[in-house]
Structures are given as structure tokens and as C-alpha cells.
Amino acid sequence: MPLSPHVPDLTALDLFVAVARLGSIGAAAREAGISQQAASARLAAMEAQVGTALLARDPRGSRVTAAGALLADWAAPLLALAGELDTGIASLRRERDAQLRVASSLTIAEHLLPGWLVALRRDYAALGRPGAEVTLMATNSQTVAVQVADRLADIGFVEGPVPPQGLRSATIARDRLVVVVPPRHPWARSSAALTAEELASTPLVEREAGSGTRQFLRAALEACLGRQADLADPALALTTTTAVRQAVRAGAGPAVLSLLAVREALAAGTLAVVPVAGLDLNRRLRAVWAGPPQPPAGPARDLLAVARRIGVPRDHV
């Protein structure tokens, strides 16, 4: 059953019991690490809440009244149990801070998270704190959202066109998708930019359904061409970005991938970028979590701060 409004909070009770034990508001205030003025105000508010005088004040100090002595006796076992509860909560927090469960889309997991996790470890080392044991689940953005919603991950990273429903989110970085083909592909040899219509009507090598990159491309084409745009079925649907990249190199068809995923192939000359006229392929990368609007606590919060600070390093774009 709910408590009446006359029951003081534990902090006020603890301060009152300290006054009863030490015989002085000043001594109890010093023990609690607050000013005597703040302690007096808190005790006066508690007396008003209880509805009876608990302390008798005179020039020699403060002493508990008969009612105050009863209240102090009743409060002692409650405060002892509260101390046990506090110890248990501290244990839970230590357990929480000892592990970090991360779910991430493949592009972010392969190209950004390693750097973020190294930076997080350095931050902890600089503070003299032990690092958390990290469990990383790399999958598509749709599955990331499910894992975070089901509390199987403390924080997730996704790359879809919109934030997942039912989760909190924060933009952590910007990314750009590019159309890639082998260097000898006709699109790579053409001096004219590809049109959005040509891209939409071409069977592409894509990730599986649920991939953030695939979702974003379709949303971008529909925004450019209209909701009734006739989009070609994939030439291949593969489960990893690496497989898509290799299939493109083998001649299976063009693909649209994050610049993060193809920068090394572009530098080596094994893939070429094809510009597309009138199609916005810039996107947001997001962190997602379940629960209150404020970022998650513990290592998940710290990783989010690192991701925001570093984002996409310049040498990745």
C-alpha cells in the first residue's frame, strides 16, 4: 500500500538519527558533508512533514524530544536495511559497469566501432578505471533495433533512413553512399552522370532485407522519383558488406555502399565510383537505446560520448 505523506525520506531520517546520536545539528551536518544551515532547514521540513516536534533546541545544542526518541528507534532498523540495499545497488552498478553489450549494423561495426572502442579504453585508462568487457553483435539495422528493444543490447548503432520506432536515438555521425562498379564497367567509362531512373531500374547487388543501407537507398530513390517508383529487384542479396563488395568486383552488378566500406578498394583501383545526378545519398548514423530520453548509464553512455566525439574520422572519407 502507498505510504502516507508524513513518512520522511531516508536522507532526512539518516540526518535526524545522527543528531540524536551526536547531540548536535552541527556535528550531524559535518558527518553528512552539508552546512549546518542546510541541515537545520532539512530537519525543520522533516518536523513539519511528520507533524510533531522532534528536536528541542537550546544554547547548549539540540536534544530529541520524547516523540523524536521514538522516531529514532523506529528509524534505526529501517536505515540498517537501507544500508544493505545501498550495498546491493552498488554491486549491481559494478556488475553493469563491468560489461557492455553493443549491437551494430555491419558498416559501423566494421569501420567505426573498433576505433571508438579503442578510444573508450584509452579514456578509462586515463581515469584509472577498469575497462568494460565488450560483447559486439554485428548484424543489420533492423535486427539491431530488435535487440536493443528486447534489452539484449545496452546500446545499438544503425544506419537506416529514420530512427527505429519505440527507441531513443541520437545522430552520431554523417555518412555517404556511393554507386560502385568495376573500373571496366560501362558506367565507369561514361562521362555522363547516372540518372536516378537508371539506378532504380538496374538490378543491384544489395544487402539482405533489414539492412540500413538497403532501406536508405530505397527511401532516397522514392523521395527522388516518387513513392510509386518502379525499383528493380536485386541481382543478388547478400548478408555482409564484404560479400557485396566482392560480388561487384567479380562482375555480378553495381552496388550502392557506404564510402566507409569501399574507400580502400577505391584507393587500390579495384572499384570505381559512379556519380548520380539529383540523388541525395548522404545519411545519418545513429545510436539507439531503450528507456528514458537521457542516454543510457555506465559504459553505454561513455561509448555514446566517444562516438559523438570521434564520429567518422577524416581518413575514412
Protein backbone atom coordinates (compact mmCIF):
# COMPACT_ATOMS: atom_id res chain seq x y z
CA MET A 1 0.00 0.00 0.00
CA PRO A 2 1.25 3.56 -0.61
CA LEU A 3 2.98 5.37 2.24
CA SER A 4 1.32 8.41 3.81
CA PRO A 5 2.81 11.85 3.07
CA HIS A 6 4.01 12.01 6.69
CA VAL A 7 6.81 9.45 6.18
CA PRO A 8 10.17 11.28 5.73
CA ASP A 9 12.67 10.28 3.09
CA LEU A 10 15.67 8.18 4.08
CA THR A 11 18.19 11.02 3.78
CA ALA A 12 16.27 13.16 6.26
CA LEU A 13 15.82 10.22 8.64
CA ASP A 14 19.53 9.44 8.49
CA LEU A 15 20.36 13.06 9.36
CA PHE A 16 17.87 13.07 12.25
CA VAL A 17 19.24 9.84 13.72
CA ALA A 18 22.74 11.34 13.51
CA VAL A 19 21.55 14.37 15.54
CA ALA A 20 20.06 12.02 18.14
CA ARG A 21 23.33 10.07 18.32
CA LEU A 22 25.72 13.06 18.31
CA GLY A 23 23.60 15.57 20.23
CA SER A 24 24.29 18.40 17.81
CA ILE A 25 22.94 19.55 14.46
CA GLY A 26 26.38 20.94 13.60
CA ALA A 27 28.09 17.60 14.28
CA ALA A 28 25.46 15.73 12.23
CA ALA A 29 25.86 18.23 9.40
CA ARG A 30 29.63 17.74 9.33
CA GLU A 31 29.18 13.97 9.26
CA ALA A 32 26.73 14.30 6.35
CA GLY A 33 29.01 16.72 4.49
CA ILE A 34 26.49 19.57 4.38
CA SER A 35 26.27 23.00 6.01
CA GLN A 36 24.62 23.45 9.41
CA GLN A 37 22.12 25.82 7.77
CA ALA A 38 21.14 23.17 5.20
CA ALA A 39 20.85 20.54 7.94
CA SER A 40 18.63 22.79 10.07
CA ALA A 41 16.36 23.52 7.10
CA ARG A 42 16.08 19.82 6.25
CA LEU A 43 15.24 18.88 9.86
CA ALA A 44 12.65 21.66 10.14
CA ALA A 45 10.99 20.43 6.94
CA MET A 46 11.00 16.89 8.33
CA GLU A 47 9.34 18.01 11.58
CA ALA A 48 6.66 19.78 9.54
CA GLN A 49 6.15 16.66 7.47
CA VAL A 50 5.87 14.35 10.50
CA GLY A 51 3.60 16.85 12.23
CA THR A 52 5.21 16.93 15.67
CA ALA A 53 8.26 18.42 17.41
CA LEU A 54 11.23 16.07 17.18
CA LEU A 55 14.05 18.28 18.48
CA ALA A 56 14.31 20.69 21.38
CA ARG A 57 16.89 23.39 20.67
CA ASP A 58 18.71 25.43 23.32
CA PRO A 59 22.07 27.26 23.55
CA ARG A 60 23.82 24.03 24.56
CA GLY A 61 22.72 22.16 21.44
CA SER A 62 19.83 20.02 20.32
CA ARG A 63 18.21 17.07 22.02
CA VAL A 64 15.48 14.79 20.83
CA THR A 65 12.02 15.06 22.31
CA ALA A 66 10.17 12.00 23.55
CA ALA A 67 8.48 11.74 20.15
CA GLY A 68 11.87 12.19 18.49
CA ALA A 69 13.39 9.38 20.56
CA LEU A 70 10.62 7.03 19.45
CA LEU A 71 11.10 8.03 15.82
CA ALA A 72 14.88 7.50 16.07
CA ASP A 73 14.33 3.99 17.49
CA TRP A 74 11.86 3.12 14.73
CA ALA A 75 14.15 4.55 12.04
CA ALA A 76 17.30 2.65 13.10
CA PRO A 77 16.36 -0.79 11.66
CA LEU A 78 14.94 0.89 8.54
CA LEU A 79 18.23 2.71 7.95
CA ALA A 80 20.17 -0.53 8.51
CA LEU A 81 18.09 -2.21 5.78
CA ALA A 82 18.59 0.84 3.57
CA GLY A 83 22.33 0.43 4.02
CA GLU A 84 22.08 -3.18 2.85
CA LEU A 85 20.01 -2.01 -0.13
CA ASP A 86 22.63 0.62 -0.93
CA THR A 87 25.35 -2.03 -0.86
CA GLY A 88 23.31 -4.25 -3.17
CA ILE A 89 22.68 -1.42 -5.62
CA ALA A 90 26.39 -0.62 -5.66
CA SER A 91 27.07 -4.26 -6.52
CA LEU A 92 24.56 -4.12 -9.38
CA ARG A 93 26.20 -0.95 -10.71
CA ARG A 94 29.64 -2.57 -10.58
CA GLU A 95 28.25 -5.56 -12.48
CA ARG A 96 26.66 -3.24 -15.04
CA ASP A 97 29.88 -1.28 -15.47
CA ALA A 98 31.88 -4.48 -15.95
CA GLN A 99 30.18 -5.34 -19.24
CA LEU A 100 28.96 -3.55 -22.34
CA ARG A 101 26.63 -5.20 -24.86
CA VAL A 102 26.68 -3.47 -28.23
CA ALA A 103 24.57 -4.25 -31.29
CA SER A 104 25.64 -2.59 -34.50
CA SER A 105 24.96 -2.50 -38.20
CA LEU A 106 27.77 -4.07 -40.20
CA THR A 107 29.13 -0.88 -41.76
CA ILE A 108 29.53 0.79 -38.37
CA ALA A 109 30.77 -2.42 -36.71
CA GLU A 110 33.45 -2.99 -39.33
CA HIS A 111 34.68 0.54 -39.95
CA LEU A 112 33.94 2.76 -36.94
CA LEU A 113 33.35 0.77 -33.75
CA PRO A 114 36.91 -0.61 -33.46
CA GLY A 115 38.26 2.94 -33.28
CA TRP A 116 35.57 4.02 -30.85
CA LEU A 117 36.25 1.08 -28.54
CA VAL A 118 39.99 1.74 -28.55
CA ALA A 119 39.32 5.39 -27.66
CA LEU A 120 36.95 4.30 -24.87
CA ARG A 121 39.64 2.04 -23.42
CA ARG A 122 42.13 4.93 -23.52
CA ASP A 123 39.65 7.20 -21.75
CA TYR A 124 39.18 4.64 -18.98
CA ALA A 125 42.94 4.12 -18.66
CA ALA A 126 43.48 7.89 -18.33
CA LEU A 127 40.95 7.93 -15.48
CA GLY A 128 42.44 4.84 -13.83
CA ARG A 129 39.21 2.92 -14.35
CA PRO A 130 38.97 -0.70 -15.48
CA GLY A 131 37.51 -1.17 -18.93
CA ALA A 132 34.24 -2.99 -19.51
CA GLU A 133 34.12 -6.39 -21.19
CA VAL A 134 32.56 -5.69 -24.60
CA THR A 135 30.23 -8.05 -26.43
CA LEU A 136 29.58 -6.92 -30.01
CA MET A 137 26.71 -8.25 -32.11
CA ALA A 138 27.16 -7.19 -35.75
CA THR A 139 24.01 -7.54 -37.83
CA ASN A 140 21.62 -5.47 -39.95
CA SER A 141 19.96 -2.31 -38.65
CA GLN A 142 16.53 -3.92 -38.31
CA THR A 143 17.87 -6.67 -36.07
CA VAL A 144 19.86 -4.13 -34.05
CA ALA A 145 16.62 -2.31 -33.23
CA VAL A 146 15.00 -5.57 -32.07
CA GLN A 147 17.98 -6.48 -29.86
CA VAL A 148 18.01 -3.06 -28.21
CA ALA A 149 14.23 -3.05 -27.71
CA ASP A 150 14.42 -6.52 -26.12
CA ARG A 151 17.24 -5.30 -23.81
CA LEU A 152 19.67 -7.81 -25.31
CA ALA A 153 22.00 -4.89 -26.04
CA ASP A 154 22.73 -1.82 -23.92
CA ILE A 155 23.19 0.40 -26.96
CA GLY A 156 22.89 -0.02 -30.71
CA PHE A 157 24.14 1.72 -33.84
CA VAL A 158 22.03 1.87 -37.00
CA GLU A 159 22.11 3.49 -40.42
CA GLY A 160 18.53 3.40 -41.72
CA PRO A 161 16.64 6.39 -43.16
CA VAL A 162 14.65 7.07 -39.97
CA PRO A 163 15.13 6.25 -36.27
CA PRO A 164 13.60 2.90 -35.22
CA GLN A 165 10.17 3.26 -33.65
CA GLY A 166 9.96 2.88 -29.89
CA LEU A 167 13.64 3.64 -29.25
CA ARG A 168 15.55 6.76 -28.26
CA SER A 169 18.15 7.91 -30.74
CA ALA A 170 20.94 10.41 -31.31
CA THR A 171 22.82 11.27 -34.50
CA ILE A 172 26.50 10.47 -34.01
CA ALA A 173 27.97 10.96 -37.48
CA ARG A 174 27.28 11.55 -41.18
CA ASP A 175 27.99 9.08 -43.95
CA ARG A 176 27.60 8.99 -47.72
CA LEU A 177 26.57 6.16 -50.00
CA VAL A 178 28.17 5.79 -53.42
CA VAL A 179 27.43 3.73 -56.51
CA VAL A 180 30.38 1.43 -57.22
CA VAL A 181 31.27 -0.73 -60.21
CA PRO A 182 34.42 -2.43 -61.53
CA PRO A 183 36.70 0.01 -63.40
CA ARG A 184 35.82 -1.58 -66.80
CA HIS A 185 32.08 -1.33 -66.30
CA PRO A 186 30.34 0.92 -68.91
CA TRP A 187 29.12 3.25 -66.16
CA ALA A 188 32.71 3.87 -65.05
CA ARG A 189 33.74 4.76 -68.62
CA SER A 190 30.87 7.14 -69.28
CA SER A 191 31.46 10.87 -68.95
CA ALA A 192 27.79 11.48 -68.10
CA ALA A 193 26.39 11.13 -64.61
CA LEU A 194 23.99 8.30 -63.97
CA THR A 195 20.34 9.25 -63.51
CA ALA A 196 18.23 8.17 -60.57
CA GLU A 197 15.87 6.43 -63.05
CA GLU A 198 18.74 4.36 -64.46
CA LEU A 199 19.88 3.37 -60.99
CA ALA A 200 16.36 2.44 -59.88
CA SER A 201 15.77 0.24 -62.92
CA THR A 202 19.07 -1.62 -62.63
CA PRO A 203 19.32 -4.89 -60.63
CA LEU A 204 21.93 -4.19 -57.95
CA VAL A 205 24.00 -6.33 -55.65
CA GLU A 206 22.45 -5.48 -52.30
CA ARG A 207 22.39 -6.45 -48.65
CA GLU A 208 19.55 -8.55 -47.31
CA ALA A 209 16.16 -7.12 -46.31
CA GLY A 210 16.55 -5.28 -43.00
CA SER A 211 19.85 -3.70 -43.98
CA GLY A 212 20.04 0.00 -43.18
CA THR A 213 21.91 0.70 -46.42
CA ARG A 214 19.25 -1.06 -48.47
CA GLN A 215 16.44 0.73 -46.64
CA PHE A 216 18.12 4.10 -47.08
CA LEU A 217 18.73 3.61 -50.83
CA ARG A 218 15.11 2.71 -51.43
CA ALA A 219 13.89 5.67 -49.39
CA ALA A 220 16.24 8.02 -51.28
CA LEU A 221 15.07 6.74 -54.69
CA GLU A 222 11.41 7.01 -53.68
CA ALA A 223 11.98 10.55 -52.42
CA CYS A 224 13.62 11.47 -55.73
CA LEU A 225 11.30 9.63 -58.13
CA GLY A 226 8.07 9.43 -56.16
CA ARG A 227 6.53 6.79 -53.94
CA GLN A 228 5.39 4.80 -56.97
CA ALA A 229 8.92 4.44 -58.32
CA ASP A 230 9.46 1.10 -60.06
CA LEU A 231 12.53 -0.30 -58.32
CA ALA A 232 14.28 -3.31 -59.83
CA ASP A 233 14.66 -6.47 -57.78
CA PRO A 234 18.22 -7.12 -56.53
CA ALA A 235 20.61 -9.05 -58.74
CA LEU A 236 21.91 -10.61 -55.51
CA ALA A 237 21.00 -10.15 -51.84
CA LEU A 238 23.94 -10.90 -49.55
CA THR A 239 24.36 -10.82 -45.79
CA THR A 240 27.65 -8.93 -45.46
CA THR A 241 29.14 -5.78 -46.90
CA THR A 242 32.32 -7.70 -47.73
CA ALA A 243 30.33 -10.19 -49.82
CA VAL A 244 28.60 -7.36 -51.70
CA ARG A 245 31.93 -5.70 -52.42
CA GLN A 246 33.48 -8.91 -53.69
CA ALA A 247 30.45 -9.70 -55.85
CA VAL A 248 30.73 -6.29 -57.51
CA ARG A 249 34.41 -6.86 -58.23
CA ALA A 250 33.52 -10.24 -59.75
CA GLY A 251 31.07 -8.59 -62.15
CA ALA A 252 27.75 -9.54 -60.51
CA GLY A 253 26.44 -5.99 -60.91
CA PRO A 254 26.69 -2.48 -59.46
CA ALA A 255 26.12 -1.81 -55.77
CA VAL A 256 25.40 1.15 -53.53
CA LEU A 257 27.61 1.03 -50.43
CA SER A 258 28.90 3.33 -47.74
CA LEU A 259 32.00 5.23 -48.68
CA LEU A 260 33.43 3.80 -45.45
CA ALA A 261 33.16 0.29 -46.91
CA VAL A 262 34.81 0.95 -50.26
CA ARG A 263 37.48 3.56 -49.62
CA GLU A 264 40.32 1.02 -49.70
CA ALA A 265 39.01 -0.57 -52.91
CA LEU A 266 38.72 2.88 -54.48
CA ALA A 267 42.28 3.74 -53.45
CA ALA A 268 43.50 0.43 -54.91
CA GLY A 269 41.61 0.99 -58.15
CA THR A 270 39.59 -2.22 -57.92
CA LEU A 271 36.30 -0.31 -57.75
CA ALA A 272 35.15 2.99 -59.23
CA VAL A 273 32.52 5.48 -58.09
CA VAL A 274 29.73 6.45 -60.48
CA PRO A 275 28.12 9.85 -59.81
CA VAL A 276 24.31 10.01 -59.76
CA ALA A 277 22.56 13.24 -60.75
CA GLY A 278 19.88 14.59 -58.42
CA LEU A 279 20.02 11.82 -55.83
CA ASP A 280 20.92 12.67 -52.23
CA LEU A 281 22.82 9.74 -50.73
CA ASN A 282 24.05 11.50 -47.60
CA ARG A 283 22.75 9.86 -44.44
CA ARG A 284 22.90 9.92 -40.66
CA LEU A 285 24.40 7.26 -38.47
CA ARG A 286 22.51 6.90 -35.20
CA ALA A 287 22.93 5.47 -31.73
CA VAL A 288 19.76 3.91 -30.30
CA TRP A 289 18.76 2.81 -26.81
CA ALA A 290 15.67 1.79 -24.88
CA GLY A 291 14.20 3.57 -21.91
CA PRO A 292 14.30 7.22 -20.80
CA PRO A 293 15.25 10.08 -23.16
CA GLN A 294 18.60 10.63 -21.46
CA PRO A 295 21.48 8.46 -22.72
CA PRO A 296 21.97 5.06 -21.06
CA ALA A 297 24.12 4.83 -17.95
CA GLY A 298 27.54 3.28 -17.44
CA PRO A 299 29.80 2.14 -20.30
CA ALA A 300 26.99 2.54 -22.87
CA ARG A 301 26.81 6.25 -22.04
CA ASP A 302 30.60 6.51 -22.25
CA LEU A 303 30.69 4.79 -25.66
CA LEU A 304 27.99 7.14 -26.95
CA ALA A 305 30.11 10.11 -25.83
CA VAL A 306 33.14 8.69 -27.66
CA ALA A 307 31.11 8.04 -30.83
CA ARG A 308 29.83 11.61 -30.80
CA ARG A 309 33.33 12.97 -30.20
CA ILE A 310 35.08 10.98 -32.92
CA GLY A 311 32.25 10.36 -35.41
CA VAL A 312 33.67 9.44 -38.79
CA PRO A 313 37.42 10.13 -38.80
CA ARG A 314 38.65 12.21 -41.72
CA ASP A 315 40.80 9.41 -43.07
CA HIS A 316 37.60 7.32 -43.50
CA VAL A 317 36.01 9.62 -46.05
